[in-house]
Amino acid sequence: MPALSIRLLAIVAACALALPAAARPQRIVSLNLCADQYLMALADPQQIAALTPFARDPQMSAGAAMARTLPVARGHAEEVLARNPDLILASPFRRREALAAVDASGRLTVDVPPAESYADIVAQIRLVARAVGHQPRGEALIARMNADLAALPRPPRRAVAAYYQRRGYMTGTDTLIDELMGRAGLINLATKLGKPVLSRVSLEEMVAAKPDFLILETASDRVVDQGTEMLHHPALRGIKRLHLPQAWTVCGGPAYVLAAQSLARQIALAHRVNAQRH
């Protein structure tokens, strides 16, 4: 059987709400860190033949603790085929020659593209849930995520924040991070400054912009190299910090809700502290 596209898989899978246990794939291999997150959330552990090694890295993977109990594979064609997979979750941006042998083997391969919005995350949950034979589980996860997002507290005013990364890069508009900030009641500084999806913002420009918050990934909480050094420059000390684990933002997925909840809690705390001071 040739590799199936996402569209074909979705059409086939839509014919049934859930596959019987005997028809579900039993040896699933993931070649994509983001697909790892969906796979761990939706498949039975015994269905997982291998995740990527990055799935066990707590700096990269929201499911690192669970991944430590599951097998991993480095993604070489020989190693993948040795697992005798009946379903492979890959990335559309992976070098196709690296998957040529896998494709030629006739294994069912589903590409999981990066999520650029919450709507993308929902679509990918449905895609993977159907592929692994657990569509009701996927719908239940989506329902919980929708409820959690609807319950987010709204701040008394919309503060301005910059998602500031190593070497002074700022995440801009029309990104998953931008949407996440909006859900937490924040205005992205990139919008006010007219910045693109990713831009470099100097210390001088950041200080002059006077955002209410800087959002930093926890991997940048301390100075470890020149890239993180500027995030801790004395000129920025007067700007309040919000912190998010990089593992919650490197991929779209269920951790999107954790990130939104964390931002909302930190913003609420900052407003309470500010009110007490005044």
Foldseek 3Di string as FASTA:
>chain_A
DFADELVVLCVVLVVDLFDPPVPFWQEEEEPDQQVVQLCVQAADLRSYNAYAPCCLPQLAAPNNVVCVVHHHDNQQPVRVVVSVGQEYEYAPPPPVVSCVVVRVVVHHYYHQYFDFAVVSQLVSSCSVNSNRGRNVSSVVLVVVLVVLLVPQDADPAAFEEWAAFFQQKTAAPSGHVCNLSVSLRYHYVCVVVVHDRIDHDDLVRVLVSDGQEYEYEPVLVDDDDNRSVVVPDPSCVVHHYQYHRSNLPVGDYSSSSVRSNSSNVVVVVVVVVVVVVD
